[in-house]
Amino acid sequence: MTMQTTDLTVRKSISVEVPQERAFDVFTAGFDKWWPRSHRIGEAEMAEAILECREGGRAYERGVDGSECEWGRVLVFDRPDRVVVSWHLQGDWKYDPDPAKASEYEARFIPQGDNRTLVEFEHRNLERHGAGAATIAESVGSDGGWGGLLKMFKEEAEASS
């Protein structure tokens, strides 16, 4: 029996003109400052996007009405080198708590001198989303997905340094 898999992994990289620790902190603790309000799944307008800075912490949004919608869990929190987060949003942009159906993203922060950091980003295991996996990969890999989000992160990191 031959098994074929299609690699749907989305890879991006971006250089930011800030030290490694600063880049990591803006990406994680400063998540709310660069995450766009348009990227939400809740019915209420988003009040804030939250990434809890510890392994086992939640990635979620809080609506202006106090409602919360989970997006994933922090799997690895290794300051200032990398963070890995599970992604439980399916092709219909609904949350599925089953970890077997979750992909994950990882951001690695690689110093390139005192004031420059290369951020290597990978969203992988997208095939776990099943029939909607290719659609999710196309969406998160687009300029409206991680491509644009990483640019927003860069702008925030460099503006607030």
Foldseek 3Di string as FASTA:
>chain_A
DDDDDDWLKAKDKDKAQAALQLLQCCVAVVVFVQDDQVPADDPAGFPTWHHPQDFQTWTWTAHPVRDIATAWTWHDRDPRFKTKTWGQQALVRHGDPPSQLIWMKMWGWDDPPGGMTMIMIMTGPLCSNPPNSNVVSVCLNDCNHPVVSVVSSSVVSRVVD
